[in-house]
Every structure is written in structure tokens, then in C-alpha cells.
C-alpha atoms as a PDB file:
ATOM      1  CA  MET A   1     -32.528-164.445  60.043  1.00  0.00           C
ATOM      2  CA  ALA A   2     -33.899-167.202  58.678  1.00  0.00           C
ATOM      3  CA  HIS A   3     -33.715-167.874  55.454  1.00  0.00           C
ATOM      4  CA  GLY A   4     -37.204-168.437  53.576  1.00  0.00           C
ATOM      5  CA  ALA A   5     -39.095-165.393  55.152  1.00  0.00           C
ATOM      6  CA  ASP A   6     -38.999-162.743  52.855  1.00  0.00           C
ATOM      7  CA  SER A   7     -38.531-158.922  54.495  1.00  0.00           C
ATOM      8  CA  LEU A   8     -38.983-157.375  51.623  1.00  0.00           C
ATOM      9  CA  ARG A   9     -42.590-158.419  50.406  1.00  0.00           C
ATOM     10  CA  SER A  10     -43.464-157.576  54.066  1.00  0.00           C
ATOM     11  CA  ILE A  11     -42.316-154.480  53.750  1.00  0.00           C
ATOM     12  CA  LEU A  12     -43.906-153.338  50.433  1.00  0.00           C
ATOM     13  CA  TYR A  13     -47.343-154.974  51.301  1.00  0.00           C
ATOM     14  CA  ALA A  14     -46.794-152.403  54.862  1.00  0.00           C
ATOM     15  CA  LEU A  15     -45.860-149.251  52.444  1.00  0.00           C
ATOM     16  CA  ALA A  16     -48.464-149.220  49.944  1.00  0.00           C
ATOM     17  CA  ALA A  17     -51.500-150.108  52.699  1.00  0.00           C
ATOM     18  CA  ASN A  18     -49.837-147.236  55.030  1.00  0.00           C
ATOM     19  CA  PHE A  19     -49.639-144.770  52.371  1.00  0.00           C
ATOM     20  CA  ALA A  20     -53.119-144.781  51.157  1.00  0.00           C
ATOM     21  CA  ILE A  21     -54.615-145.192  54.770  1.00  0.00           C
ATOM     22  CA  PHE A  22     -52.285-141.837  55.254  1.00  0.00           C
ATOM     23  CA  LEU A  23     -54.217-140.146  52.798  1.00  0.00           C
ATOM     24  CA  ALA A  24     -57.486-141.267  53.650  1.00  0.00           C
ATOM     25  CA  LYS A  25     -56.996-140.522  57.606  1.00  0.00           C
ATOM     26  CA  LEU A  26     -55.830-137.046  56.488  1.00  0.00           C
ATOM     27  CA  PHE A  27     -58.691-136.525  54.502  1.00  0.00           C
ATOM     28  CA  ALA A  28     -60.835-137.603  57.354  1.00  0.00           C
ATOM     29  CA  ALA A  29     -59.154-135.873  60.177  1.00  0.00           C
ATOM     30  CA  ILE A  30     -59.526-132.346  58.087  1.00  0.00           C
ATOM     31  CA  PHE A  31     -63.120-132.592  57.883  1.00  0.00           C
ATOM     32  CA  THR A  32     -64.051-134.039  61.269  1.00  0.00           C
ATOM     33  CA  GLY A  33     -61.634-132.373  63.600  1.00  0.00           C
ATOM     34  CA  SER A  34     -60.944-135.453  65.522  1.00  0.00           C
ATOM     35  CA  GLY A  35     -58.071-135.803  67.407  1.00  0.00           C
ATOM     36  CA  ALA A  36     -58.182-139.567  67.263  1.00  0.00           C
ATOM     37  CA  MET A  37     -58.631-139.348  63.690  1.00  0.00           C
ATOM     38  CA  LEU A  38     -55.367-137.140  63.477  1.00  0.00           C
ATOM     39  CA  ALA A  39     -53.646-139.387  65.695  1.00  0.00           C
ATOM     40  CA  GLU A  40     -54.175-142.501  63.476  1.00  0.00           C
ATOM     41  CA  ALA A  41     -53.439-140.138  60.117  1.00  0.00           C
ATOM     42  CA  VAL A  42     -49.871-139.281  61.792  1.00  0.00           C
ATOM     43  CA  HIS A  43     -49.031-142.879  62.714  1.00  0.00           C
ATOM     44  CA  SER A  44     -49.980-143.940  59.460  1.00  0.00           C
ATOM     45  CA  LEU A  45     -47.145-141.426  57.910  1.00  0.00           C
ATOM     46  CA  ALA A  46     -44.998-142.234  60.488  1.00  0.00           C
ATOM     47  CA  ASP A  47     -45.729-145.851  59.324  1.00  0.00           C
ATOM     48  CA  THR A  48     -44.875-144.953  55.999  1.00  0.00           C
ATOM     49  CA  GLY A  49     -41.878-143.226  56.599  1.00  0.00           C
ATOM     50  CA  ASN A  50     -40.766-146.306  58.680  1.00  0.00           C
ATOM     51  CA  GLN A  51     -41.138-148.683  55.615  1.00  0.00           C
ATOM     52  CA  GLY A  52     -38.550-146.466  53.525  1.00  0.00           C
ATOM     53  CA  LEU A  53     -36.177-146.749  56.372  1.00  0.00           C
ATOM     54  CA  LEU A  54     -36.436-150.766  56.440  1.00  0.00           C
ATOM     55  CA  LEU A  55     -36.030-150.508  52.720  1.00  0.00           C
ATOM     56  CA  LEU A  56     -32.781-148.258  53.042  1.00  0.00           C
ATOM     57  CA  GLY A  57     -31.359-150.436  55.650  1.00  0.00           C
ATOM     58  CA  LEU A  58     -31.752-153.731  53.622  1.00  0.00           C
ATOM     59  CA  ARG A  59     -29.952-151.820  50.981  1.00  0.00           C
ATOM     60  CA  GLN A  60     -27.308-150.996  52.863  1.00  0.00           C
ATOM     61  CA  ALA A  61     -27.067-154.452  54.423  1.00  0.00           C
ATOM     62  CA  LYS A  62     -26.112-155.809  51.240  1.00  0.00           C
ATOM     63  CA  ARG A  63     -23.281-153.816  50.256  1.00  0.00           C
ATOM     64  CA  PRO A  64     -20.193-155.972  49.716  1.00  0.00           C
ATOM     65  CA  PRO A  65     -17.494-156.261  52.887  1.00  0.00           C
ATOM     66  CA  THR A  66     -14.588-153.777  52.626  1.00  0.00           C
ATOM     67  CA  PRO A  67     -11.092-153.067  54.396  1.00  0.00           C
ATOM     68  CA  ASP A  68     -12.983-151.015  57.230  1.00  0.00           C
ATOM     69  CA  TYR A  69     -15.986-153.708  57.784  1.00  0.00           C
ATOM     70  CA  PRO A  70     -14.595-156.958  57.113  1.00  0.00           C
ATOM     71  CA  LEU A  71     -17.621-158.745  57.845  1.00  0.00           C
ATOM     72  CA  GLY A  72     -19.535-156.383  55.757  1.00  0.00           C
ATOM     73  CA  HIS A  73     -22.729-154.274  56.546  1.00  0.00           C
ATOM     74  CA  GLY A  74     -24.961-156.792  57.521  1.00  0.00           C
ATOM     75  CA  LYS A  75     -26.297-154.821  60.803  1.00  0.00           C
ATOM     76  CA  GLU A  76     -27.398-152.224  58.797  1.00  0.00           C
ATOM     77  CA  ILE A  77     -30.786-153.052  58.982  1.00  0.00           C
ATOM     78  CA  TYR A  78     -30.524-153.539  63.069  1.00  0.00           C
ATOM     79  CA  PHE A  79     -29.545-149.960  63.236  1.00  0.00           C
ATOM     80  CA  TRP A  80     -32.453-148.712  60.865  1.00  0.00           C
ATOM     81  CA  SER A  81     -35.005-151.260  62.491  1.00  0.00           C
ATOM     82  CA  PHE A  82     -34.086-149.301  66.007  1.00  0.00           C
ATOM     83  CA  ILE A  83     -34.163-145.700  64.513  1.00  0.00           C
ATOM     84  CA  VAL A  84     -37.924-146.847  63.220  1.00  0.00           C
ATOM     85  CA  ALA A  85     -38.385-147.715  67.000  1.00  0.00           C
ATOM     86  CA  LEU A  86     -37.531-144.541  68.133  1.00  0.00           C
ATOM     87  CA  ILE A  87     -39.970-142.768  65.225  1.00  0.00           C
ATOM     88  CA  LEU A  88     -42.686-144.811  66.579  1.00  0.00           C
ATOM     89  CA  PHE A  89     -42.160-143.851  70.128  1.00  0.00           C
ATOM     90  CA  SER A  90     -41.462-140.202  69.289  1.00  0.00           C
ATOM     91  CA  MET A  91     -43.275-138.830  65.999  1.00  0.00           C
ATOM     92  CA  GLY A  92     -46.165-141.666  66.703  1.00  0.00           C
ATOM     93  CA  GLY A  93     -46.531-142.088  70.317  1.00  0.00           C
ATOM     94  CA  LEU A  94     -45.611-138.738  71.514  1.00  0.00           C
ATOM     95  CA  PHE A  95     -47.403-136.456  69.449  1.00  0.00           C
ATOM     96  CA  SER A  96     -50.497-138.617  69.474  1.00  0.00           C
ATOM     97  CA  ILE A  97     -50.376-138.008  73.227  1.00  0.00           C
ATOM     98  CA  TYR A  98     -50.216-134.776  73.237  1.00  0.00           C
ATOM     99  CA  GLU A  99     -52.895-134.400  70.608  1.00  0.00           C
ATOM    100  CA  GLY A 100     -55.010-135.954  72.950  1.00  0.00           C
ATOM    101  CA  TYR A 101     -54.081-133.915  75.784  1.00  0.00           C
ATOM    102  CA  HIS A 102     -54.717-130.569  73.685  1.00  0.00           C
ATOM    103  CA  LYS A 103     -57.721-131.771  72.659  1.00  0.00           C
ATOM    104  CA  LEU A 104     -58.744-132.614  76.295  1.00  0.00           C
ATOM    105  CA  LEU A 105     -57.980-129.010  77.208  1.00  0.00           C
ATOM    106  CA  HIS A 106     -59.687-127.410  74.170  1.00  0.00           C
ATOM    107  CA  PRO A 107     -62.360-130.314  73.249  1.00  0.00           C
ATOM    108  CA  GLU A 108     -64.337-129.694  69.921  1.00  0.00           C
ATOM    109  CA  PRO A 109     -67.368-131.467  68.227  1.00  0.00           C
ATOM    110  CA  LEU A 110     -67.115-133.590  65.924  1.00  0.00           C
ATOM    111  CA  LYS A 111     -67.828-132.601  62.297  1.00  0.00           C
ATOM    112  CA  THR A 112     -69.633-135.379  59.195  1.00  0.00           C
ATOM    113  CA  PRO A 113     -68.192-138.892  61.523  1.00  0.00           C
ATOM    114  CA  ALA A 114     -69.520-140.547  58.717  1.00  0.00           C
ATOM    115  CA  ILE A 115     -66.472-139.679  56.872  1.00  0.00           C
ATOM    116  CA  ALA A 116     -63.949-140.769  59.847  1.00  0.00           C
ATOM    117  CA  LEU A 117     -65.928-144.209  60.661  1.00  0.00           C
ATOM    118  CA  THR A 118     -65.674-144.795  56.760  1.00  0.00           C
ATOM    119  CA  VAL A 119     -62.099-144.596  56.635  1.00  0.00           C
ATOM    120  CA  LEU A 120     -61.968-146.566  59.382  1.00  0.00           C
ATOM    121  CA  LEU A 121     -63.208-149.329  58.024  1.00  0.00           C
ATOM    122  CA  PHE A 122     -60.950-148.764  54.618  1.00  0.00           C
ATOM    123  CA  SER A 123     -58.051-148.792  57.003  1.00  0.00           C
ATOM    124  CA  LEU A 124     -58.808-151.800  59.000  1.00  0.00           C
ATOM    125  CA  GLY A 125     -59.186-153.755  55.653  1.00  0.00           C
ATOM    126  CA  ALA A 126     -56.184-152.286  54.365  1.00  0.00           C
ATOM    127  CA  GLU A 127     -54.242-153.248  57.597  1.00  0.00           C
ATOM    128  CA  ALA A 128     -55.426-156.585  58.041  1.00  0.00           C
ATOM    129  CA  MET A 129     -54.561-157.069  54.191  1.00  0.00           C
ATOM    130  CA  SER A 130     -50.990-155.700  55.758  1.00  0.00           C
ATOM    131  CA  LEU A 131     -50.881-158.005  58.157  1.00  0.00           C
ATOM    132  CA  TRP A 132     -52.126-161.132  56.481  1.00  0.00           C
ATOM    133  CA  GLY A 133     -48.822-160.318  54.301  1.00  0.00           C
ATOM    134  CA  CYS A 134     -46.420-160.187  57.253  1.00  0.00           C
ATOM    135  CA  VAL A 135     -47.541-163.100  59.146  1.00  0.00           C
ATOM    136  CA  ARG A 136     -47.388-165.374  55.981  1.00  0.00           C
ATOM    137  CA  GLU A 137     -43.874-164.542  56.040  1.00  0.00           C
ATOM    138  CA  VAL A 138     -43.405-165.062  59.586  1.00  0.00           C
ATOM    139  CA  ASN A 139     -45.084-168.392  59.758  1.00  0.00           C
ATOM    140  CA  LYS A 140     -42.302-169.417  57.749  1.00  0.00           C
ATOM    141  CA  GLU A 141     -39.769-168.741  60.667  1.00  0.00           C
ATOM    142  CA  ARG A 142     -41.724-169.199  63.815  1.00  0.00           C
ATOM    143  CA  GLY A 143     -42.820-172.736  63.167  1.00  0.00           C
ATOM    144  CA  THR A 144     -44.602-174.412  66.131  1.00  0.00           C
ATOM    145  CA  HIS A 145     -43.617-171.631  68.378  1.00  0.00           C
ATOM    146  CA  SER A 146     -45.779-168.701  69.519  1.00  0.00           C
ATOM    147  CA  PHE A 147     -45.623-165.279  67.964  1.00  0.00           C
ATOM    148  CA  VAL A 148     -44.660-164.243  71.332  1.00  0.00           C
ATOM    149  CA  HIS A 149     -41.930-166.661  71.229  1.00  0.00           C
ATOM    150  CA  TRP A 150     -41.304-165.959  67.553  1.00  0.00           C
ATOM    151  CA  PHE A 151     -41.030-161.800  68.605  1.00  0.00           C
ATOM    152  CA  ARG A 152     -38.826-162.567  71.692  1.00  0.00           C
ATOM    153  CA  THR A 153     -36.318-164.871  68.952  1.00  0.00           C
ATOM    154  CA  THR A 154     -36.456-163.959  65.688  1.00  0.00           C
ATOM    155  CA  ARG A 155     -33.225-162.314  64.292  1.00  0.00           C
ATOM    156  CA  ASN A 156     -35.269-160.652  61.474  1.00  0.00           C
ATOM    157  CA  SER A 157     -35.374-157.332  62.629  1.00  0.00           C
ATOM    158  CA  ALA A 158     -37.414-155.910  59.452  1.00  0.00           C
ATOM    159  CA  LEU A 159     -40.029-158.581  59.781  1.00  0.00           C
ATOM    160  CA  LEU A 160     -40.237-158.239  63.342  1.00  0.00           C
ATOM    161  CA  VAL A 161     -40.921-154.200  63.254  1.00  0.00           C
ATOM    162  CA  VAL A 162     -43.440-154.550  60.200  1.00  0.00           C
ATOM    163  CA  PHE A 163     -45.557-157.011  62.755  1.00  0.00           C
ATOM    164  CA  GLY A 164     -45.440-155.050  65.542  1.00  0.00           C
ATOM    165  CA  GLU A 165     -46.562-151.670  63.468  1.00  0.00           C
ATOM    166  CA  ASP A 166     -49.545-153.751  61.355  1.00  0.00           C
ATOM    167  CA  ILE A 167     -50.451-154.956  65.104  1.00  0.00           C
ATOM    168  CA  ALA A 168     -49.961-151.449  66.810  1.00  0.00           C
ATOM    169  CA  ALA A 169     -52.119-150.352  64.132  1.00  0.00           C
ATOM    170  CA  LEU A 170     -54.967-152.373  63.803  1.00  0.00           C
ATOM    171  CA  LEU A 171     -55.823-152.011  67.226  1.00  0.00           C
ATOM    172  CA  GLY A 172     -54.997-148.391  67.151  1.00  0.00           C
ATOM    173  CA  LEU A 173     -57.999-148.314  64.740  1.00  0.00           C
ATOM    174  CA  GLY A 174     -60.043-150.206  66.814  1.00  0.00           C
ATOM    175  CA  VAL A 175     -59.492-147.644  69.530  1.00  0.00           C
ATOM    176  CA  ALA A 176     -60.030-144.709  67.266  1.00  0.00           C
ATOM    177  CA  ALA A 177     -63.395-146.321  66.133  1.00  0.00           C
ATOM    178  CA  ALA A 178     -64.663-146.581  69.611  1.00  0.00           C
ATOM    179  CA  ALA A 179     -63.477-143.168  70.575  1.00  0.00           C
ATOM    180  CA  ILE A 180     -65.769-141.648  67.638  1.00  0.00           C
ATOM    181  CA  LEU A 181     -69.059-143.488  68.536  1.00  0.00           C
ATOM    182  CA  LEU A 182     -68.777-142.867  72.007  1.00  0.00           C
ATOM    183  CA  THR A 183     -68.413-139.183  70.947  1.00  0.00           C
ATOM    184  CA  LEU A 184     -71.048-139.655  68.981  1.00  0.00           C
ATOM    185  CA  LEU A 185     -73.590-141.577  71.352  1.00  0.00           C
ATOM    186  CA  THR A 186     -72.744-139.269  74.397  1.00  0.00           C
ATOM    187  CA  ALA A 187     -71.819-135.973  72.527  1.00  0.00           C
ATOM    188  CA  ASN A 188     -68.937-135.659  74.895  1.00  0.00           C
ATOM    189  CA  PRO A 189     -65.940-134.912  72.516  1.00  0.00           C
ATOM    190  CA  VAL A 190     -63.319-136.025  75.876  1.00  0.00           C
ATOM    191  CA  TYR A 191     -64.003-139.360  74.367  1.00  0.00           C
ATOM    192  CA  ASP A 192     -61.793-138.209  71.262  1.00  0.00           C
ATOM    193  CA  ALA A 193     -59.446-136.636  73.530  1.00  0.00           C
ATOM    194  CA  LEU A 194     -58.256-139.934  75.498  1.00  0.00           C
ATOM    195  CA  GLY A 195     -58.665-142.024  72.410  1.00  0.00           C
ATOM    196  CA  SER A 196     -55.872-140.241  70.987  1.00  0.00           C
ATOM    197  CA  MET A 197     -53.962-140.722  73.897  1.00  0.00           C
ATOM    198  CA  ALA A 198     -54.739-144.191  74.184  1.00  0.00           C
ATOM    199  CA  ILE A 199     -53.556-144.476  70.897  1.00  0.00           C
ATOM    200  CA  GLY A 200     -50.298-142.544  72.286  1.00  0.00           C
ATOM    201  CA  LEU A 201     -49.481-145.080  75.031  1.00  0.00           C
ATOM    202  CA  LEU A 202     -50.269-148.058  72.478  1.00  0.00           C
ATOM    203  CA  LEU A 203     -47.527-146.890  70.031  1.00  0.00           C
ATOM    204  CA  VAL A 204     -45.021-145.931  72.982  1.00  0.00           C
ATOM    205  CA  THR A 205     -45.698-149.707  74.579  1.00  0.00           C
ATOM    206  CA  VAL A 206     -45.384-151.261  71.002  1.00  0.00           C
ATOM    207  CA  ALA A 207     -42.037-149.050  70.017  1.00  0.00           C
ATOM    208  CA  PHE A 208     -40.590-150.114  73.707  1.00  0.00           C
ATOM    209  CA  PHE A 209     -41.184-153.661  72.805  1.00  0.00           C
ATOM    210  CA  ILE A 210     -39.299-153.427  69.207  1.00  0.00           C
ATOM    211  CA  GLY A 211     -36.619-151.102  70.558  1.00  0.00           C
ATOM    212  CA  VAL A 212     -35.296-154.062  73.020  1.00  0.00           C
ATOM    213  CA  GLU A 213     -35.339-156.724  70.364  1.00  0.00           C
ATOM    214  CA  THR A 214     -33.560-154.472  67.816  1.00  0.00           C
ATOM    215  CA  LYS A 215     -31.057-153.267  70.659  1.00  0.00           C
ATOM    216  CA  SER A 216     -30.248-157.144  71.323  1.00  0.00           C
ATOM    217  CA  LEU A 217     -29.244-157.677  67.786  1.00  0.00           C
ATOM    218  CA  LEU A 218     -27.356-153.927  67.404  1.00  0.00           C
ATOM    219  CA  VAL A 219     -25.061-155.212  70.608  1.00  0.00           C
ATOM    220  CA  GLY A 220     -24.458-158.226  68.962  1.00  0.00           C
ATOM    221  CA  GLN A 221     -26.672-161.289  69.367  1.00  0.00           C
ATOM    222  CA  GLY A 222     -25.661-164.768  68.048  1.00  0.00           C
ATOM    223  CA  VAL A 223     -28.150-166.929  66.022  1.00  0.00           C
ATOM    224  CA  ASP A 224     -31.087-168.563  67.363  1.00  0.00           C
ATOM    225  CA  PRO A 225     -29.944-171.193  70.601  1.00  0.00           C
ATOM    226  CA  ALA A 226     -31.670-174.075  68.347  1.00  0.00           C
ATOM    227  CA  ILE A 227     -29.902-173.336  65.265  1.00  0.00           C
ATOM    228  CA  LYS A 228     -26.260-173.273  67.437  1.00  0.00           C
ATOM    229  CA  GLN A 229     -27.376-176.615  68.709  1.00  0.00           C
ATOM    230  CA  GLN A 230     -28.372-178.204  65.224  1.00  0.00           C
ATOM    231  CA  MET A 231     -24.601-176.778  64.687  1.00  0.00           C
ATOM    232  CA  VAL A 232     -23.114-178.597  67.629  1.00  0.00           C
ATOM    233  CA  THR A 233     -24.579-181.755  66.671  1.00  0.00           C
ATOM    234  CA  LEU A 234     -23.896-181.872  62.671  1.00  0.00           C
ATOM    235  CA  LEU A 235     -20.068-181.228  63.782  1.00  0.00           C
ATOM    236  CA  GLN A 236     -20.379-183.684  66.557  1.00  0.00           C
ATOM    237  CA  GLN A 237     -21.211-186.192  64.188  1.00  0.00           C
ATOM    238  CA  ARG A 238     -18.597-185.892  61.933  1.00  0.00           C
ATOM    239  CA  SER A 239     -15.808-188.440  62.112  1.00  0.00           C
ATOM    240  CA  GLU A 240     -13.084-185.690  61.992  1.00  0.00           C
ATOM    241  CA  ILE A 241     -13.980-184.148  64.988  1.00  0.00           C
ATOM    242  CA  GLU A 242     -13.366-186.168  68.120  1.00  0.00           C
ATOM    243  CA  THR A 243     -15.347-183.126  70.302  1.00  0.00           C
ATOM    244  CA  VAL A 244     -16.593-179.789  69.808  1.00  0.00           C
ATOM    245  CA  LEU A 245     -14.989-177.402  72.598  1.00  0.00           C
ATOM    246  CA  ASN A 246     -16.815-174.334  71.965  1.00  0.00           C
ATOM    247  CA  ILE A 247     -18.683-172.498  68.941  1.00  0.00           C
ATOM    248  CA  LEU A 248     -19.500-168.705  69.156  1.00  0.00           C
ATOM    249  CA  THR A 249     -22.107-167.222  66.676  1.00  0.00           C
ATOM    250  CA  LEU A 250     -22.884-163.660  65.504  1.00  0.00           C
ATOM    251  CA  GLN A 251     -25.922-162.621  63.618  1.00  0.00           C
ATOM    252  CA  LEU A 252     -24.926-160.082  60.825  1.00  0.00           C
ATOM    253  CA  GLY A 253     -28.105-159.617  59.165  1.00  0.00           C
ATOM    254  CA  ASP A 254     -28.988-162.077  56.351  1.00  0.00           C
ATOM    255  CA  ASP A 255     -25.429-163.736  57.071  1.00  0.00           C
ATOM    256  CA  VAL A 256     -24.147-165.211  60.337  1.00  0.00           C
ATOM    257  CA  MET A 257     -20.234-165.700  61.415  1.00  0.00           C
ATOM    258  CA  VAL A 258     -19.529-168.806  62.824  1.00  0.00           C
ATOM    259  CA  ALA A 259     -15.884-169.433  65.281  1.00  0.00           C
ATOM    260  CA  ILE A 260     -15.429-173.157  66.202  1.00  0.00           C
ATOM    261  CA  LYS A 261     -12.745-174.911  68.574  1.00  0.00           C
ATOM    262  CA  ALA A 262     -12.749-178.388  68.495  1.00  0.00           C
ATOM    263  CA  ARG A 263     -10.768-181.479  69.392  1.00  0.00           C
ATOM    264  CA  MET A 264      -9.733-183.430  66.223  1.00  0.00           C
ATOM    265  CA  THR A 265      -9.402-187.053  65.631  1.00  0.00           C
ATOM    266  CA  THR A 266      -5.635-187.806  65.120  1.00  0.00           C
ATOM    267  CA  THR A 267      -4.543-188.428  61.848  1.00  0.00           C
ATOM    268  CA  GLY A 268      -0.800-188.267  62.282  1.00  0.00           C
ATOM    269  CA  SER A 269      -0.365-185.336  59.274  1.00  0.00           C
ATOM    270  CA  SER A 270      -0.604-181.595  59.610  1.00  0.00           C
ATOM    271  CA  GLN A 271      -1.953-182.052  55.995  1.00  0.00           C
ATOM    272  CA  GLN A 272      -4.889-184.410  56.437  1.00  0.00           C
ATOM    273  CA  LEU A 273      -5.610-181.977  59.416  1.00  0.00           C
ATOM    274  CA  VAL A 274      -6.203-179.092  57.444  1.00  0.00           C
ATOM    275  CA  ALA A 275      -7.819-181.391  54.534  1.00  0.00           C
ATOM    276  CA  ASP A 276     -10.370-182.385  57.687  1.00  0.00           C
ATOM    277  CA  ILE A 277     -10.978-178.989  58.820  1.00  0.00           C
ATOM    278  CA  ASN A 278     -11.864-177.637  55.292  1.00  0.00           C
ATOM    279  CA  THR A 279     -14.221-180.930  55.174  1.00  0.00           C
ATOM    280  CA  CYS A 280     -16.017-179.806  58.332  1.00  0.00           C
ATOM    281  CA  GLU A 281     -16.092-176.503  56.877  1.00  0.00           C
ATOM    282  CA  GLN A 282     -17.325-177.338  53.727  1.00  0.00           C
ATOM    283  CA  ALA A 283     -20.340-179.687  55.569  1.00  0.00           C
ATOM    284  CA  LEU A 284     -21.308-177.068  57.943  1.00  0.00           C
ATOM    285  CA  LYS A 285     -21.856-174.325  55.243  1.00  0.00           C
ATOM    286  CA  ALA A 286     -23.793-176.745  53.392  1.00  0.00           C
ATOM    287  CA  ALA A 287     -26.252-177.541  55.811  1.00  0.00           C
ATOM    288  CA  PHE A 288     -26.196-173.833  57.063  1.00  0.00           C
ATOM    289  CA  PRO A 289     -25.976-171.196  53.815  1.00  0.00           C
ATOM    290  CA  GLN A 290     -26.554-168.203  55.631  1.00  0.00           C
ATOM    291  CA  VAL A 291     -22.785-169.232  57.341  1.00  0.00           C
ATOM    292  CA  GLN A 292     -20.673-166.575  55.238  1.00  0.00           C
ATOM    293  CA  TRP A 293     -17.429-166.378  57.746  1.00  0.00           C
ATOM    294  CA  LEU A 294     -16.430-169.174  59.310  1.00  0.00           C
ATOM    295  CA  PHE A 295     -13.355-169.693  61.729  1.00  0.00           C
ATOM    296  CA  PHE A 296     -12.504-173.346  62.872  1.00  0.00           C
ATOM    297  CA  GLU A 297      -9.565-173.828  65.663  1.00  0.00           C
ATOM    298  CA  PRO A 298      -8.063-176.916  66.116  1.00  0.00           C
ATOM    299  CA  ASP A 299      -7.491-176.871  69.916  1.00  0.00           C
ATOM    300  CA  CYS A 300      -7.156-179.923  72.657  1.00  0.00           C
ATOM    301  CA  LEU A 301      -8.390-177.572  75.447  1.00  0.00           C
ATOM    302  CA  ASP A 302     -11.005-174.581  75.336  1.00  0.00           C
END
């Protein structure tokens, strides 16, 4: 997880926005009878709960190492991010599809659609603010890369989840608005039902991609390849090291574990060899403060 990007700030932005939007959408769904609006209310409720789970994950990830968990609990955030993807898929996506299908079989006319449209405009503004806060943090990580590249390579699962949720929310709001307007123009409630199903399919798709990325982190991804290459370059430039034979990394939430095998420059003294290794370790940790566990093995062969 790149240092500089504040996941907590993005989660709090999203939590405040989603809870306010949920209340507004629920009010509108009750008064209008809109299936698309009810789907959006459930979506926002799921997102609100998801932010709470991410906060729990961040807190759990900060617990110190124990004999049973010698590398700490950093991967807790990956577990809770994966749970969020499952909730977004089931509670958000599948429920919305079911609600749309139910409305398709039993269509009902919209009541007071002006309320629904007003709430959608409020929700668009709130979600846009949440996404703006999230993008500010994403930009600290992605540099010159595209958002798609960042999404596929980031090790910051909490920020990835918030970003995916915010994008899905804005697209879902657009679909809900279109469904309500088409229902009003045609006096055909089928469009409202189809809007609910479309929102459900959107949430399922976003949840799938979030799940795929967080699964990789859960299984045990290393650091970003560019960061790993920077580590190799730094070590290779050290006079104490003749050749870096191998380097393994493991991302553990904010923290990183690194294992190095290197052919050291001949010193003729075991004490000097130990001193050289310690110097190299200090240099690597100074350049990459996210490295909390470092194992260094001098060797002649990989």
C-alpha cells in the first residue's frame, strides 16, 4: 500500500455521503413506489455498511504481531475488502435484480416522481463529492498511470473498494434517473423495473472486479513490480553487494516483508560481512519505510 494515500479519509467521505443518500433514497422510494429508487436505496445502505467494514479492517490491520501472527495482521484489510465485494454482489446487486424482476411481473405506477428526481440530484452531488475525495487520494498513488492501470495494480484494497463503489454509485444514479424519466415520458412502469435490473447488473460487475483484485492480495501478492525493481536497483548500487541473486516481497496491508539473497563483496571477515548486511538493510528501510520485516541471506548461488 503506497504511503501518502489516505484510505481512512476516503472511507469517511464515502460513509457520510452514503448514509445521507440512503436516507434520502429510502424516503423517495416509499413515497414514489419506484423499484429503481428502492434498488438505489438498498445499494446505498450496502455501501454504508461496507464503509463500516472497511473501518473495522483498517483497525484490525493495525494490531501488533503476536507469536501466532509473527508478520502482524496487515492482511485483515484484504479480508474485509473481499467481504465488502461479496456484500456488494449479494445485498446490492442480486437484490436489485430481484426487485426489478418483481416489478416487471407486477408493475406499479410511479407516485410523486418529482421527489425521486430531487433525491437523485442530491445523491449525484453527494456521490460526486465522495468520488472527488477518493480520486484525490488515488492520484497520490497512480502518478501518470491511468485509473484502469492503478485499479489493476494497486495494493491499497480499501481505496480500491471505495473507488469502485463510488463509480458504481454514480453510474447507478444515472441509470435510475433515466429509468424514472422514461417511465414518466411513456407512462410505462416497465422502464423502472428494467432500470432496477440494470443497476443490479452494474453492481454485480463492479463487485466481481473488486473481488478479483482483493483475492490476489489475500492469496499473497508482492509489492508493485516497479517498487520491487527500485529495491533491486538500490541494492545493486551498494558497494557491499556484488550481485542481487533474488528478492521476494509480500504486501501485508501498509507493511511489506522482504527477503533478499545476494552475493556479497568479499571482506575476509565474518564480522565485516555482518556489518555490511546491516548497512544494506538500514539503507533499504530508509528508502522504503513500508518495509517492516527484512530477511537477508548472503550466498553464492540463487
